[in-house]
Amino acid sequence: MKETHLVGIDLGTKKLALAVGTREEGRIKILYYNEFPSDGISHSKILNTAKLSKALRSAVDMAGNCLGVKITAAKVGCQKYEIHQSDSCGNVTLGGDQYVTREVLDNLEQNAWEEIGKNLDEGDEILGTVAQGFSTDDEICICQDDVMGMISSQVGANYKIYTGRKSAKRNIEAAFAECAIADARMEFDPLTPGAVLLSENERRGGVALVDFGAGATSVSIFSGGTLRHYAGIPFGGRNITLDIQNVCGISETLAENIKLQYGGCLPNELGSMGEKTIRITDKDSGKKTEITVKDLSETITARVREILDAVLWEIQQSGFADSLRCGIVVTGGCAPMLNLCPMIKKISGYSARIAAPSVNMFDADMTFFTPGASAVAALLLKLSETSPTDCTTEKEEEKKTVETPHQEPAAQEESEGGAKENEPAEKEEEGEEEPWFGNLFSLGKKKPKAEKKPKQPSKPKEPKQENEGTRLFEGLFGDDENNNEDDMV
């Protein structure tokens, strides 16, 4: 039976993460995972579709060639920034005491969508909803799992409605269409990352999940088992890289490498490492620059402090600042930065930890279990729960046509050797074939035969040169009894 492939693609500012997996018993087996340089994206927003499609085509082709399949569909992550959140409520009268069913809850959600749609801008669209709580005749603040099956004459609900620009979906579809992927489903589901990275106790007790990316940082606050607040911040790790570039006067690529190798927060807590000096030489201009690890850390800490202040401001705006008993969980490409969690603890007072995909959910090698793969892992989990279709097809084998070079009759005669010696004498005669009426005008004269060209002796075939690699294999496997030890290298 053919495996059903799941394909998830995370479009980041600095990198594209592509993963292919299959469903297994209780887990997702990762068949392929790789990260590629990104282009055409800024602050997690697509700016240049042509540049993105070029980078995307390279990633998709490499994954398809590695697995021997053709990727035809994928679940794609939505941008973190420019996502707006609003509140909506709805109420449904059941006309007597009746059971609350899934159909009733779907009608409630549809009413909430219609209410928000009345005041929605023309260029915006609804990306998703998250139920905050339900109420019946006798109860309030009931979660969705508990309200189903209850008996009531009416049901009310409160929702968080998330909206974004239509152009984001249009740009994604255009970029994937260039790669022959017609089914590129943009997904905004802040609940699924919580299921991948957070425990049940954390989601119920209160926690802030911070996705620290290159172009943007998102904040998702969970409490009571569901999402209570979401916000995107247009700052990320690339801003830190640009600060290093400006301070040292070097290229962005070199600044990124220095950040990854020597970057860290809290310069006074680096110990002896802070006294080390980084010497940088520009190969093009020959310019030499020196900076200590401590000075580098001061540059990084100033920018990280700005980003963390924005995160803490969003936590205050959510109204759940005093309810985060499980603190802050950090993920994303910038999460492994040295001393990041101690800095969060020092500034906010919240406990902090770094999160990555769990081995209990995914079967993969260690390169997948990193904070940078969290977003694509959430896409695969969501796809496994909602879509039974295969995201790939079998790759068609290219038919290669071997063209036989045209040979002249003389060349064919020479190549075939004496093969023509056995042919009838009539075929050796050259000249045009005599028409049926030729005897009427020739008056009994016969058409002279063309002179025969003397046949050139065929060249003796050169003895076939034995390949040294063939002799080596014959010696290794002992197929030739006459092989001696000198043949083996």
Protein backbone atom coordinates (compact mmCIF):
# COMPACT_ATOMS: atom_id res chain seq x y z
CA MET A 1 0.00 0.00 0.00
CA LYS A 2 1.35 3.44 -0.97
CA GLU A 3 2.32 5.71 1.89
CA THR A 4 0.40 8.94 2.41
CA HIS A 5 2.92 11.75 2.47
CA LEU A 6 2.41 14.91 4.53
CA VAL A 7 4.26 18.04 3.41
CA GLY A 8 4.75 21.13 5.56
CA ILE A 9 6.64 24.27 4.53
CA ASP A 10 7.48 27.12 6.90
CA LEU A 11 8.21 30.37 5.05
CA GLY A 12 10.64 32.34 7.19
CA THR A 13 12.54 35.55 6.67
CA LYS A 14 15.96 33.86 6.70
CA LYS A 15 15.17 30.24 5.89
CA LEU A 16 12.61 27.91 4.37
CA ALA A 17 11.98 24.75 6.39
CA LEU A 18 10.52 21.81 4.44
CA ALA A 19 9.48 18.52 6.01
CA VAL A 20 7.87 15.38 4.57
CA GLY A 21 6.40 12.73 6.83
CA THR A 22 3.96 9.84 7.05
CA ARG A 23 1.43 8.80 9.66
CA GLU A 24 2.35 6.02 12.02
CA GLU A 25 0.76 4.63 15.14
CA GLY A 26 0.56 7.62 17.44
CA ARG A 27 3.46 9.45 15.78
CA ILE A 28 4.58 11.08 12.54
CA LYS A 29 7.64 9.61 10.88
CA ILE A 30 9.81 12.27 9.27
CA LEU A 31 11.11 11.07 5.92
CA TYR A 32 12.79 14.31 4.92
CA TYR A 33 13.70 17.58 6.65
CA ASN A 34 15.94 20.36 5.44
CA GLU A 35 16.38 24.11 5.69
CA PHE A 36 17.08 26.37 2.72
CA PRO A 37 17.95 30.08 2.34
CA SER A 38 14.88 32.25 1.95
CA ASP A 39 14.38 35.26 -0.30
CA GLY A 40 11.64 37.80 -0.96
CA ILE A 41 10.31 37.80 2.64
CA SER A 42 10.65 40.54 5.24
CA HIS A 43 9.19 40.44 8.77
CA SER A 44 7.54 37.12 7.81
CA LYS A 45 5.63 38.94 5.04
CA ILE A 46 6.03 38.10 1.34
CA LEU A 47 7.27 41.15 -0.55
CA ASN A 48 8.71 39.67 -3.77
CA THR A 49 6.83 36.65 -5.07
CA ALA A 50 9.29 35.98 -7.91
CA LYS A 51 12.28 35.75 -5.55
CA LEU A 52 10.37 33.51 -3.17
CA SER A 53 9.23 31.15 -5.92
CA LYS A 54 12.83 30.76 -7.11
CA ALA A 55 14.04 29.81 -3.64
CA LEU A 56 10.99 27.62 -3.11
CA ARG A 57 11.45 25.75 -6.40
CA SER A 58 14.98 24.77 -5.42
CA ALA A 59 13.79 23.41 -2.05
CA VAL A 60 10.82 21.51 -3.50
CA ASP A 61 12.88 19.97 -6.32
CA MET A 62 15.59 18.81 -3.94
CA ALA A 63 13.08 17.19 -1.60
CA GLY A 64 11.27 15.50 -4.49
CA ASN A 65 14.49 14.16 -6.00
CA CYS A 66 15.64 12.84 -2.63
CA LEU A 67 12.39 10.92 -2.05
CA GLY A 68 11.70 10.03 -5.68
CA VAL A 69 8.28 11.76 -5.65
CA LYS A 70 6.68 14.93 -6.96
CA ILE A 71 5.25 17.32 -4.36
CA THR A 72 1.79 18.47 -5.44
CA ALA A 73 0.32 19.90 -2.20
CA ALA A 74 1.58 21.38 1.05
CA LYS A 75 0.47 23.00 4.27
CA VAL A 76 2.05 26.45 4.49
CA GLY A 77 2.51 28.58 7.59
CA CYS A 78 0.91 32.00 7.75
CA GLN A 79 2.85 35.16 8.48
CA LYS A 80 3.21 36.07 12.16
CA TYR A 81 2.87 39.81 11.79
CA GLU A 82 -0.15 41.84 10.64
CA ILE A 83 -2.61 39.43 12.26
CA HIS A 84 -5.45 41.28 13.96
CA GLN A 85 -7.49 39.94 16.85
CA SER A 86 -11.06 40.90 17.74
CA ASP A 87 -13.80 39.62 20.01
CA SER A 88 -17.18 38.31 18.94
CA CYS A 89 -20.10 36.59 20.61
CA GLY A 90 -23.14 34.67 19.49
CA ASN A 91 -26.29 33.11 20.85
CA VAL A 92 -28.54 30.31 19.55
CA THR A 93 -32.03 29.46 20.83
CA LEU A 94 -32.79 25.76 20.64
CA GLY A 95 -36.55 26.03 21.09
CA GLY A 96 -36.84 23.92 24.24
CA ASP A 97 -34.54 21.72 26.23
CA GLN A 98 -32.34 19.97 23.72
CA TYR A 99 -28.91 18.43 23.57
CA VAL A 100 -26.04 20.69 22.52
CA THR A 101 -24.57 19.08 19.42
CA ARG A 102 -21.73 19.82 17.02
CA GLU A 103 -24.21 21.34 14.58
CA VAL A 104 -25.31 23.85 17.23
CA LEU A 105 -21.71 24.91 17.88
CA ASP A 106 -21.03 25.25 14.15
CA ASN A 107 -24.01 27.57 13.83
CA LEU A 108 -22.68 29.67 16.70
CA GLU A 109 -19.31 30.01 15.02
CA GLN A 110 -20.93 30.92 11.70
CA ASN A 111 -22.92 33.67 13.41
CA ALA A 112 -19.72 35.06 14.91
CA TRP A 113 -18.07 35.09 11.47
CA GLU A 114 -20.99 36.96 9.97
CA GLU A 115 -20.94 39.53 12.76
CA ILE A 116 -17.24 40.28 12.22
CA GLY A 117 -17.66 40.23 8.44
CA LYS A 118 -20.03 43.21 8.56
CA ASN A 119 -17.22 45.54 9.68
CA LEU A 120 -14.35 43.84 7.84
CA ASP A 121 -12.25 45.86 5.41
CA GLU A 122 -12.43 44.89 1.76
CA GLY A 123 -8.79 43.77 1.66
CA ASP A 124 -9.03 41.62 4.82
CA GLU A 125 -10.30 38.12 5.43
CA ILE A 126 -10.99 35.89 8.42
CA LEU A 127 -8.15 33.46 9.09
CA GLY A 128 -9.56 31.55 12.04
CA THR A 129 -11.52 31.54 15.27
CA VAL A 130 -10.82 30.25 18.76
CA ALA A 131 -13.69 29.63 21.17
CA GLN A 132 -13.15 31.24 24.57
CA GLY A 133 -16.10 29.76 26.44
CA PHE A 134 -19.75 28.74 26.25
CA SER A 135 -22.80 29.33 28.41
CA THR A 136 -26.09 27.50 28.90
CA ASP A 137 -29.20 28.13 30.96
CA ASP A 138 -27.42 27.35 34.23
CA GLU A 139 -23.68 27.47 33.52
CA ILE A 140 -21.13 29.94 32.19
CA CYS A 141 -17.48 29.75 31.06
CA ILE A 142 -17.76 26.15 29.85
CA CYS A 143 -15.13 24.74 27.52
CA GLN A 144 -16.11 23.22 24.20
CA ASP A 145 -15.52 19.61 25.24
CA ASP A 146 -17.80 19.98 28.27
CA VAL A 147 -20.67 21.87 26.66
CA MET A 148 -21.32 19.22 24.02
CA GLY A 149 -23.92 16.80 25.33
CA MET A 150 -25.44 19.22 27.85
CA ILE A 151 -29.20 19.96 27.79
CA SER A 152 -30.26 23.59 27.48
CA SER A 153 -32.81 25.80 25.77
CA GLN A 154 -30.13 28.21 24.51
CA VAL A 155 -26.36 28.34 24.05
CA GLY A 156 -24.05 31.36 24.00
CA ALA A 157 -20.39 31.60 23.03
CA ASN A 158 -17.47 34.04 22.99
CA TYR A 159 -14.84 33.90 20.24
CA LYS A 160 -11.49 35.36 19.32
CA ILE A 161 -11.59 36.15 15.59
CA TYR A 162 -8.28 36.51 13.72
CA THR A 163 -8.09 38.42 10.45
CA GLY A 164 -5.35 39.22 7.95
CA ARG A 165 -4.74 40.62 4.50
CA LYS A 166 -6.02 38.74 1.45
CA SER A 167 -2.79 39.59 -0.34
CA ALA A 168 -0.87 37.22 1.95
CA LYS A 169 -2.84 34.22 0.70
CA ARG A 170 -2.68 35.46 -2.90
CA ASN A 171 1.13 35.81 -2.79
CA ILE A 172 1.55 32.33 -1.32
CA GLU A 173 -0.66 30.77 -3.99
CA ALA A 174 1.22 32.61 -6.74
CA ALA A 175 4.64 31.52 -5.45
CA PHE A 176 3.61 27.88 -5.15
CA ALA A 177 1.92 27.91 -8.55
CA GLU A 178 5.33 28.67 -10.07
CA CYS A 179 6.54 25.43 -8.47
CA ALA A 180 3.62 23.40 -9.90
CA ILE A 181 2.03 23.07 -6.46
CA ALA A 182 -1.60 23.96 -7.01
CA ASP A 183 -2.81 23.02 -3.53
CA ALA A 184 -0.90 25.29 -1.14
CA ARG A 185 -3.10 25.64 1.93
CA MET A 186 -2.16 28.62 4.08
CA GLU A 187 -2.67 27.75 7.71
CA PHE A 188 -3.13 30.09 10.65
CA ASP A 189 -3.71 27.92 13.68
CA PRO A 190 -2.04 29.20 16.87
CA LEU A 191 -3.54 26.28 18.80
CA THR A 192 -1.47 23.55 17.09
CA PRO A 193 1.98 24.92 18.12
CA GLY A 194 0.72 24.79 21.67
CA ALA A 195 -0.19 21.12 21.23
CA VAL A 196 3.30 20.38 19.86
CA LEU A 197 5.42 22.37 22.30
CA LEU A 198 3.41 22.69 25.52
CA SER A 199 2.19 20.15 28.03
CA GLU A 200 -1.43 19.90 29.10
CA ASN A 201 -0.55 21.33 32.51
CA GLU A 202 1.11 24.36 30.93
CA ARG A 203 -1.84 25.10 28.66
CA ARG A 204 -4.25 24.89 31.59
CA GLY A 205 -2.10 26.57 34.23
CA GLY A 206 -1.15 29.58 32.08
CA VAL A 207 1.87 30.07 29.82
CA ALA A 208 3.16 32.46 27.17
CA LEU A 209 4.59 30.76 24.06
CA VAL A 210 7.08 33.10 22.34
CA ASP A 211 8.20 32.19 18.80
CA PHE A 212 11.46 34.12 18.39
CA GLY A 213 12.03 34.14 14.62
CA ALA A 214 14.35 36.05 12.31
CA GLY A 215 11.90 38.61 10.94
CA ALA A 216 9.11 38.62 13.54
CA THR A 217 8.26 37.40 17.03
CA SER A 218 4.85 36.07 18.02
CA VAL A 219 3.27 35.78 21.46
CA SER A 220 0.56 33.18 22.17
CA ILE A 221 -0.94 33.09 25.65
CA PHE A 222 -2.67 29.92 26.85
CA SER A 223 -4.83 29.58 29.93
CA GLY A 224 -7.61 27.20 30.88
CA GLY A 225 -6.60 24.84 28.07
CA THR A 226 -7.12 27.24 25.16
CA LEU A 227 -5.59 30.26 23.43
CA ARG A 228 -6.50 33.56 25.09
CA HIS A 229 -4.35 36.10 23.24
CA TYR A 230 -2.17 36.30 20.13
CA ALA A 231 0.04 39.12 18.85
CA GLY A 232 2.86 39.58 16.34
CA ILE A 233 5.89 41.84 16.82
CA PRO A 234 7.85 43.04 13.74
CA PHE A 235 11.27 42.44 15.32
CA GLY A 236 13.42 39.36 15.42
CA GLY A 237 16.85 37.86 15.10
CA ARG A 238 17.63 39.65 11.85
CA ASN A 239 17.51 42.97 13.69
CA ILE A 240 20.25 41.65 15.97
CA THR A 241 22.30 40.67 12.91
CA LEU A 242 21.91 44.14 11.38
CA ASP A 243 23.07 45.74 14.64
CA ILE A 244 26.25 43.62 14.57
CA GLN A 245 26.76 44.52 10.93
CA ASN A 246 26.56 48.25 11.69
CA VAL A 247 28.85 48.08 14.70
CA CYS A 248 31.56 46.01 13.01
CA GLY A 249 31.18 47.34 9.47
CA ILE A 250 30.97 43.87 7.94
CA SER A 251 28.58 42.01 5.65
CA GLU A 252 25.26 40.68 6.87
CA THR A 253 26.28 37.09 6.20
CA LEU A 254 29.43 37.42 8.29
CA ALA A 255 27.50 39.19 11.05
CA GLU A 256 24.99 36.30 11.12
CA ASN A 257 27.80 33.75 11.47
CA ILE A 258 29.40 35.71 14.30
CA LYS A 259 26.06 35.93 16.08
CA LEU A 260 25.54 32.19 15.86
CA GLN A 261 29.06 31.31 17.02
CA TYR A 262 29.78 33.93 19.68
CA GLY A 263 26.48 35.71 20.36
CA GLY A 264 24.94 35.76 23.83
CA CYS A 265 23.01 37.91 26.30
CA LEU A 266 24.04 39.38 29.67
CA PRO A 267 27.68 40.39 29.02
CA ASN A 268 28.54 40.37 32.73
CA GLU A 269 27.64 36.70 33.01
CA LEU A 270 29.79 35.35 30.19
CA GLY A 271 32.79 34.69 32.44
CA SER A 272 36.15 34.18 30.76
CA MET A 273 34.51 33.89 27.37
CA GLY A 274 33.69 37.60 27.43
CA GLU A 275 37.37 38.55 27.41
CA LYS A 276 38.06 36.81 24.12
CA THR A 277 38.64 38.97 21.04
CA ILE A 278 37.15 38.29 17.61
CA ARG A 279 39.42 39.39 14.74
CA ILE A 280 37.63 39.94 11.45
CA THR A 281 39.32 40.49 8.08
CA ASP A 282 37.36 41.54 5.01
CA LYS A 283 38.69 39.53 2.06
CA ASP A 284 37.59 42.13 -0.50
CA SER A 285 38.91 45.33 1.07
CA GLY A 286 41.44 43.86 3.49
CA LYS A 287 39.90 45.85 6.33
CA LYS A 288 40.56 44.38 9.76
CA THR A 289 38.12 44.72 12.66
CA GLU A 290 38.34 43.56 16.25
CA ILE A 291 35.58 43.22 18.82
CA THR A 292 35.49 41.45 22.15
CA VAL A 293 32.81 38.89 22.92
CA LYS A 294 31.66 41.12 25.79
CA ASP A 295 31.16 44.14 23.51
CA LEU A 296 29.33 41.88 21.05
CA SER A 297 27.07 40.71 23.87
CA GLU A 298 26.25 44.30 24.86
CA THR A 299 25.07 45.00 21.29
CA ILE A 300 22.95 41.84 21.29
CA THR A 301 21.53 42.41 24.77
CA ALA A 302 20.30 45.92 23.88
CA ARG A 303 18.24 44.60 20.96
CA VAL A 304 16.97 41.53 22.84
CA ARG A 305 15.86 43.81 25.67
CA GLU A 306 13.79 45.83 23.20
CA ILE A 307 12.11 42.69 21.84
CA LEU A 308 11.41 41.32 25.31
CA ASP A 309 9.86 44.64 26.36
CA ALA A 310 7.44 44.34 23.45
CA VAL A 311 6.64 40.75 24.47
CA LEU A 312 5.95 41.76 28.08
CA TRP A 313 3.77 44.64 26.90
CA GLU A 314 1.61 42.18 24.92
CA ILE A 315 1.35 39.95 27.99
CA GLN A 316 0.09 42.92 30.00
CA GLN A 317 -2.41 43.81 27.27
CA SER A 318 -3.82 40.28 27.32
CA GLY A 319 -5.00 40.59 30.89
CA PHE A 320 -3.32 37.31 31.86
CA ALA A 321 -0.06 38.70 33.22
CA ASP A 322 -0.89 37.45 36.71
CA SER A 323 -2.10 34.04 35.48
CA LEU A 324 1.07 32.69 33.86
CA ARG A 325 1.94 30.14 36.52
CA CYS A 326 4.07 28.19 34.02
CA GLY A 327 6.02 31.21 32.86
CA ILE A 328 7.35 31.73 29.32
CA VAL A 329 8.29 29.06 26.77
CA VAL A 330 10.60 30.18 23.94
CA THR A 331 10.92 28.53 20.54
CA GLY A 332 12.05 29.55 17.05
CA GLY A 333 15.43 29.97 15.38
CA CYS A 334 16.76 32.50 17.93
CA ALA A 335 15.68 30.54 21.01
CA PRO A 336 19.04 28.73 21.56
CA MET A 337 20.88 32.04 22.06
CA LEU A 338 23.20 31.93 25.06
CA ASN A 339 21.71 33.30 28.30
CA LEU A 340 18.34 34.12 26.72
CA CYS A 341 16.27 32.30 29.35
CA PRO A 342 18.24 33.82 32.30
CA MET A 343 17.70 37.26 30.76
CA ILE A 344 13.93 36.65 30.52
CA LYS A 345 13.92 35.55 34.15
CA LYS A 346 15.93 38.61 35.20
CA ILE A 347 13.73 41.12 33.35
CA SER A 348 10.24 39.67 33.84
CA GLY A 349 10.45 37.40 36.86
CA TYR A 350 8.81 34.57 34.88
CA SER A 351 10.46 31.19 34.62
CA ALA A 352 11.59 30.40 31.08
CA ARG A 353 12.53 27.33 29.07
CA ILE A 354 13.30 26.47 25.44
CA ALA A 355 10.88 24.18 23.54
CA ALA A 356 11.37 21.94 20.49
CA PRO A 357 9.32 19.16 18.83
CA SER A 358 8.85 16.15 21.10
CA VAL A 359 10.12 12.64 20.39
CA ASN A 360 6.76 11.38 21.63
CA MET A 361 5.06 12.89 18.57
CA PHE A 362 7.71 12.55 15.86
CA ASP A 363 10.08 9.84 14.71
CA ALA A 364 13.10 11.59 13.19
CA ASP A 365 16.83 12.16 13.51
CA MET A 366 18.22 14.74 15.89
CA THR A 367 18.36 17.54 13.31
CA PHE A 368 14.56 17.77 13.48
CA PHE A 369 14.35 18.17 17.26
CA THR A 370 15.45 21.81 17.33
CA PRO A 371 13.50 24.99 18.13
CA GLY A 372 13.84 26.11 14.51
CA ALA A 373 11.72 23.15 13.33
CA SER A 374 8.80 23.88 15.67
CA ALA A 375 6.67 25.72 13.10
CA VAL A 376 6.93 23.05 10.39
CA ALA A 377 6.29 20.33 12.99
CA ALA A 378 3.02 22.03 13.92
CA LEU A 379 2.02 22.14 10.24
CA LEU A 380 2.59 18.39 9.86
CA LEU A 381 0.58 17.65 13.00
CA LYS A 382 -2.33 19.77 11.80
CA LEU A 383 -2.19 18.14 8.37
CA SER A 384 -2.23 14.64 9.88
CA GLU A 385 -5.38 15.48 11.85
CA THR A 386 -7.37 17.13 9.07
CA SER A 387 -6.27 15.88 5.63
CA PRO A 388 -6.37 12.22 4.53
CA THR A 389 -5.07 13.01 1.02
CA ASP A 390 -1.54 12.43 -0.23
CA CYS A 391 0.58 15.53 -0.85
CA THR A 392 2.81 13.79 -3.40
CA THR A 393 2.55 11.72 -6.55
CA GLU A 394 4.89 9.22 -8.10
CA LYS A 395 7.59 10.87 -10.13
CA GLU A 396 7.36 10.14 -13.85
CA GLU A 397 10.50 8.63 -15.30
CA GLU A 398 11.97 10.69 -18.06
CA LYS A 399 12.04 8.83 -21.36
CA LYS A 400 15.42 9.12 -23.00
CA THR A 401 15.51 8.72 -26.81
CA VAL A 402 18.80 7.38 -28.14
CA GLU A 403 19.49 8.78 -31.60
CA THR A 404 21.41 6.50 -33.97
CA PRO A 405 23.83 8.52 -36.11
CA HIS A 406 23.26 8.21 -39.88
CA GLN A 407 25.98 6.32 -41.70
CA GLU A 408 26.80 6.51 -45.38
CA PRO A 409 26.57 3.24 -47.39
CA ALA A 410 30.35 3.07 -47.65
CA ALA A 411 30.74 3.56 -43.92
CA GLN A 412 28.10 0.95 -43.22
CA GLU A 413 29.91 -1.46 -45.54
CA GLU A 414 33.17 -0.84 -43.72
CA SER A 415 31.61 -1.21 -40.28
CA GLU A 416 29.80 -4.38 -41.17
CA GLY A 417 33.00 -5.96 -42.51
CA GLY A 418 32.33 -8.81 -44.88
CA ALA A 419 28.66 -9.02 -44.09
CA LYS A 420 27.77 -8.13 -47.70
CA GLU A 421 29.72 -10.95 -49.20
CA ASN A 422 26.76 -13.31 -48.75
CA GLU A 423 24.24 -10.96 -50.37
CA PRO A 424 22.93 -11.66 -53.90
CA ALA A 425 24.93 -10.28 -56.81
CA GLU A 426 22.03 -8.10 -57.93
CA LYS A 427 22.38 -5.92 -54.80
CA GLU A 428 26.02 -5.25 -55.52
CA GLU A 429 25.15 -3.53 -58.79
CA GLU A 430 24.97 0.24 -58.53
CA GLY A 431 22.88 2.58 -60.61
CA GLU A 432 19.19 3.27 -60.96
CA GLU A 433 16.76 0.41 -61.45
CA GLU A 434 15.80 -0.13 -65.13
CA PRO A 435 12.11 0.69 -65.88
CA TRP A 436 9.75 -1.97 -67.31
CA PHE A 437 9.73 -0.30 -70.70
CA GLY A 438 13.49 -0.14 -71.00
CA ASN A 439 13.71 -3.12 -73.35
CA LEU A 440 11.37 -1.45 -75.85
CA PHE A 441 13.85 1.35 -76.58
CA SER A 442 17.11 -0.42 -75.94
CA LEU A 443 16.64 -2.65 -79.01
CA GLY A 444 17.93 -5.66 -77.21
CA LYS A 445 20.92 -3.84 -75.74
CA LYS A 446 21.64 -4.54 -72.13
CA LYS A 447 22.35 -1.77 -69.70
CA PRO A 448 26.01 -1.82 -68.74
CA LYS A 449 26.70 -2.73 -65.19
CA ALA A 450 28.46 -0.29 -62.95
CA GLU A 451 32.00 -1.10 -62.12
CA LYS A 452 32.44 -2.80 -58.81
CA LYS A 453 34.60 -1.06 -56.29
CA PRO A 454 37.17 -3.29 -54.75
CA LYS A 455 36.32 -4.08 -51.22
CA GLN A 456 38.72 -2.81 -48.65
CA PRO A 457 39.79 -5.32 -46.11
CA SER A 458 38.05 -4.74 -42.84
CA LYS A 459 40.18 -3.37 -40.06
CA PRO A 460 40.96 -5.87 -37.36
CA LYS A 461 39.15 -5.07 -34.17
CA GLU A 462 41.38 -3.78 -31.42
CA PRO A 463 41.51 -5.93 -28.35
CA LYS A 464 39.14 -4.66 -25.69
CA GLN A 465 41.02 -2.83 -22.99
CA GLU A 466 40.26 -4.18 -19.62
CA ASN A 467 39.05 -1.65 -17.14
CA GLU A 468 41.25 -1.41 -14.12
CA GLY A 469 38.19 -1.10 -11.86
CA THR A 470 36.75 -4.29 -13.43
CA ARG A 471 39.98 -6.17 -12.80
CA LEU A 472 39.88 -4.94 -9.23
CA PHE A 473 36.33 -6.23 -8.66
CA GLU A 474 37.20 -9.56 -10.34
CA GLY A 475 40.10 -9.91 -8.02
CA LEU A 476 38.04 -8.99 -4.96
CA PHE A 477 35.22 -11.41 -5.66
CA GLY A 478 37.43 -14.20 -7.08
CA ASP A 479 35.47 -14.63 -10.33
CA ASP A 480 38.66 -15.11 -12.39
CA GLU A 481 40.69 -18.08 -11.31
CA ASN A 482 43.79 -16.71 -13.07
CA ASN A 483 43.86 -13.48 -11.02
CA ASN A 484 46.94 -13.12 -8.93
CA GLU A 485 47.66 -10.95 -5.94
CA ASP A 486 49.29 -8.25 -8.11
CA ASP A 487 45.86 -7.42 -9.59
CA MET A 488 44.49 -6.36 -6.21
CA VAL A 489 45.17 -2.82 -5.07
